[in-house]
Amino acid sequence: MRENSKSDISLKDYLTEEERKKLVASLHHALVWVGVKEPQELIVDNGDLSREIEKFHQTEGDLPAEVHASGKIELHRLIWRLINEKEITEPERIQIEEIIEILQKKERSEEEALKEEALSPERARAIHDEAAGIIRSILDLKDVLKKKGHAAAPDDATEELIRQKVSQAKRWNQIIEEIKGDKI
């Protein structure tokens, strides 16, 4: 039995323009990540990884254990570890930001593949699902940064805002006490 050559593949085996637009639009939907799991592992471009490492004058030894110089990222394990960390150090924060940039580039690459490549519906759905999983991972990593990134001392503006809120609460409490005193 001979393999299918390109000429044996009919147009019906490829994604239609309408299907393509729906998949791409789905990636831009605000809740595309709901119900989607982050990929267990993800292979990213080694060049992208090297450029991110160099940007912050780091070496391969500075990478988290879940990120391999070959371009393999054990994404699920990395996110799980970070979620369970009590605090994120400054070097870890930089590493997370680097990984987010790499993942964003990978997601854009997959979106471009959906827009431009001749794909079967099955292959297009697989690319879409992987891109949605990457989006989920990006959001999870950003959430880790947001929740654990504030472990450092607050800046002057934050401290001033806290003082203002405390002062407002004290004034409201004083007003309430005065009103209670008038009723007695």
Protein backbone atom coordinates (compact mmCIF):
# COMPACT_ATOMS: atom_id res chain seq x y z
CA MET A 1 0.00 0.00 0.00
CA ARG A 2 1.47 3.36 -0.98
CA GLU A 3 1.40 6.48 1.16
CA ASN A 4 -0.76 9.43 0.20
CA SER A 5 1.12 11.99 -1.81
CA LYS A 6 0.22 15.65 -1.65
CA SER A 7 -1.76 15.30 -4.87
CA ASP A 8 -3.90 12.54 -3.30
CA ILE A 9 -5.08 14.86 -0.52
CA SER A 10 -8.27 16.67 -1.39
CA LEU A 11 -9.34 20.13 -0.30
CA LYS A 12 -11.96 18.61 2.00
CA ASP A 13 -9.11 17.25 4.14
CA TYR A 14 -8.00 20.80 4.99
CA LEU A 15 -9.37 23.36 7.38
CA THR A 16 -11.83 25.78 5.74
CA GLU A 17 -11.30 29.52 6.06
CA GLU A 18 -14.40 29.77 8.26
CA GLU A 19 -13.16 27.02 10.60
CA ARG A 20 -9.77 28.72 10.73
CA LYS A 21 -11.30 32.06 11.70
CA LYS A 22 -13.41 30.43 14.42
CA LEU A 23 -10.39 28.73 15.99
CA VAL A 24 -8.30 31.92 15.92
CA ALA A 25 -11.19 33.98 17.34
CA SER A 26 -11.63 31.38 20.07
CA LEU A 27 -8.05 31.99 21.22
CA HIS A 28 -8.94 35.66 21.73
CA HIS A 29 -12.01 34.87 23.82
CA ALA A 30 -11.55 36.04 27.41
CA LEU A 31 -12.31 32.62 28.89
CA VAL A 32 -10.54 30.36 26.39
CA TRP A 33 -8.47 28.91 29.26
CA VAL A 34 -11.45 27.76 31.37
CA GLY A 35 -11.44 24.00 31.72
CA VAL A 36 -8.10 23.74 29.93
CA LYS A 37 -5.09 22.19 31.63
CA GLU A 38 -1.60 23.52 31.16
CA PRO A 39 0.59 21.18 29.09
CA GLN A 40 2.57 18.67 31.14
CA GLU A 41 5.59 19.43 28.98
CA LEU A 42 6.21 21.96 26.27
CA ILE A 43 9.02 22.17 23.75
CA VAL A 44 10.10 25.73 23.00
CA ASP A 45 12.68 27.14 20.62
CA ASN A 46 16.21 26.83 22.11
CA GLY A 47 17.11 30.19 20.57
CA ASP A 48 14.25 31.93 22.38
CA LEU A 49 15.32 30.30 25.62
CA SER A 50 18.97 31.32 25.12
CA ARG A 51 18.02 34.92 24.31
CA GLU A 52 15.92 35.18 27.48
CA ILE A 53 18.76 33.77 29.58
CA GLU A 54 21.24 36.24 28.06
CA LYS A 55 18.88 39.18 28.49
CA PHE A 56 19.32 39.01 32.26
CA HIS A 57 22.98 37.86 32.12
CA GLN A 58 22.14 34.41 33.39
CA THR A 59 23.52 30.97 32.59
CA GLU A 60 21.87 27.61 32.01
CA GLY A 61 22.64 26.82 35.67
CA ASP A 62 20.31 29.66 36.70
CA LEU A 63 17.33 27.98 35.06
CA PRO A 64 14.68 26.36 37.27
CA ALA A 65 15.04 22.57 37.44
CA GLU A 66 11.89 22.21 35.29
CA VAL A 67 13.38 24.19 32.39
CA HIS A 68 15.96 22.35 30.30
CA ALA A 69 18.48 23.96 27.96
CA SER A 70 17.23 21.64 25.21
CA GLY A 71 14.03 23.69 25.14
CA LYS A 72 11.86 21.30 27.14
CA ILE A 73 9.83 22.88 29.94
CA GLU A 74 8.08 20.66 32.47
CA LEU A 75 5.34 23.25 32.67
CA HIS A 76 2.82 21.54 34.93
CA ARG A 77 5.50 20.63 37.48
CA LEU A 78 6.96 24.17 37.40
CA ILE A 79 3.59 25.85 37.97
CA TRP A 80 2.66 23.42 40.73
CA ARG A 81 5.96 24.05 42.53
CA LEU A 82 5.63 27.83 42.24
CA ILE A 83 2.04 27.81 43.48
CA ASN A 84 3.16 25.90 46.57
CA GLU A 85 6.17 28.13 47.31
CA LYS A 86 5.71 30.45 50.29
CA GLU A 87 7.68 33.24 48.66
CA ILE A 88 9.18 34.00 45.28
CA THR A 89 12.74 35.31 45.31
CA GLU A 90 13.88 38.07 42.97
CA PRO A 91 15.85 35.62 40.75
CA GLU A 92 12.76 33.36 40.59
CA ARG A 93 10.58 36.36 39.68
CA ILE A 94 12.94 37.16 36.80
CA GLN A 95 12.87 33.52 35.67
CA ILE A 96 9.07 33.45 35.74
CA GLU A 97 8.94 36.64 33.64
CA GLU A 98 11.38 35.06 31.16
CA ILE A 99 9.25 31.92 30.93
CA ILE A 100 6.12 34.03 30.41
CA GLU A 101 7.82 35.81 27.49
CA ILE A 102 8.89 32.48 25.96
CA LEU A 103 5.36 31.09 26.36
CA GLN A 104 3.82 34.20 24.81
CA LYS A 105 6.10 33.83 21.79
CA LYS A 106 5.17 30.13 21.51
CA GLU A 107 1.45 30.97 21.71
CA ARG A 108 1.80 33.63 18.99
CA SER A 109 3.66 31.12 16.83
CA GLU A 110 0.86 28.60 17.19
CA GLU A 111 -1.75 31.24 16.43
CA GLU A 112 0.16 32.14 13.25
CA ALA A 113 0.18 28.45 12.29
CA LEU A 114 -3.61 28.41 12.69
CA LYS A 115 -3.92 31.52 10.53
CA GLU A 116 -1.60 30.55 7.71
CA GLU A 117 -0.73 26.85 7.46
CA ALA A 118 -2.65 24.26 5.49
CA LEU A 119 -3.97 22.09 8.31
CA SER A 120 -6.34 19.22 8.75
CA PRO A 121 -9.19 19.96 11.17
CA GLU A 122 -7.68 17.49 13.65
CA ARG A 123 -4.23 19.10 13.52
CA ALA A 124 -5.76 22.59 13.78
CA ARG A 125 -7.78 21.55 16.86
CA ALA A 126 -4.61 20.11 18.45
CA ILE A 127 -2.72 23.38 17.82
CA HIS A 128 -5.66 25.38 19.18
CA ASP A 129 -5.87 23.26 22.32
CA GLU A 130 -2.13 23.53 22.93
CA ALA A 131 -2.29 27.32 22.47
CA ALA A 132 -5.19 27.48 24.94
CA GLY A 133 -3.13 25.43 27.41
CA ILE A 134 -0.23 27.85 26.96
CA ILE A 135 -2.57 30.78 27.63
CA ARG A 136 -3.71 29.00 30.81
CA SER A 137 -0.07 28.54 31.84
CA ILE A 138 0.74 32.20 31.20
CA LEU A 139 -2.21 33.28 33.34
CA ASP A 140 -1.21 30.87 36.12
CA LEU A 141 2.36 32.19 36.13
CA LYS A 142 1.18 35.81 36.13
CA ASP A 143 -1.12 34.96 39.03
CA VAL A 144 1.82 33.48 40.95
CA LEU A 145 3.78 36.68 40.36
CA LYS A 146 0.86 38.84 41.45
CA LYS A 147 0.11 36.90 44.63
CA LYS A 148 3.66 36.22 45.72
CA GLY A 149 5.40 39.19 44.17
CA HIS A 150 4.13 41.46 46.94
CA ALA A 151 6.12 39.66 49.61
CA ALA A 152 8.69 42.44 49.41
CA ALA A 153 8.29 45.62 51.44
CA PRO A 154 5.60 47.94 50.07
CA ASP A 155 6.76 51.04 48.24
CA ASP A 156 6.06 54.58 49.49
CA ALA A 157 2.92 54.99 47.38
CA THR A 158 1.46 51.75 48.73
CA GLU A 159 2.26 52.72 52.31
CA GLU A 160 0.63 56.13 51.80
CA LEU A 161 -2.48 54.49 50.36
CA ILE A 162 -2.67 52.16 53.38
CA ARG A 163 -2.32 55.13 55.75
CA GLN A 164 -5.14 56.96 53.93
CA LYS A 165 -7.43 53.92 54.14
CA VAL A 166 -6.72 53.50 57.87
CA SER A 167 -7.35 57.21 58.44
CA GLN A 168 -10.68 57.03 56.56
CA ALA A 169 -11.74 53.99 58.58
CA LYS A 170 -10.92 55.80 61.83
CA ARG A 171 -12.94 58.86 60.75
CA TRP A 172 -15.94 56.67 59.84
CA ASN A 173 -15.70 54.88 63.18
CA GLN A 174 -15.59 58.25 64.97
CA ILE A 175 -18.66 59.48 63.04
CA ILE A 176 -20.54 56.26 63.91
CA GLU A 177 -19.64 56.67 67.60
CA GLU A 178 -20.88 60.30 67.53
CA ILE A 179 -24.17 59.23 65.97
CA LYS A 180 -24.59 56.48 68.58
CA GLY A 181 -23.83 59.05 71.33
CA ASP A 182 -26.53 61.41 70.01
CA LYS A 183 -29.18 58.68 70.21
CA ILE A 184 -28.54 57.81 73.85
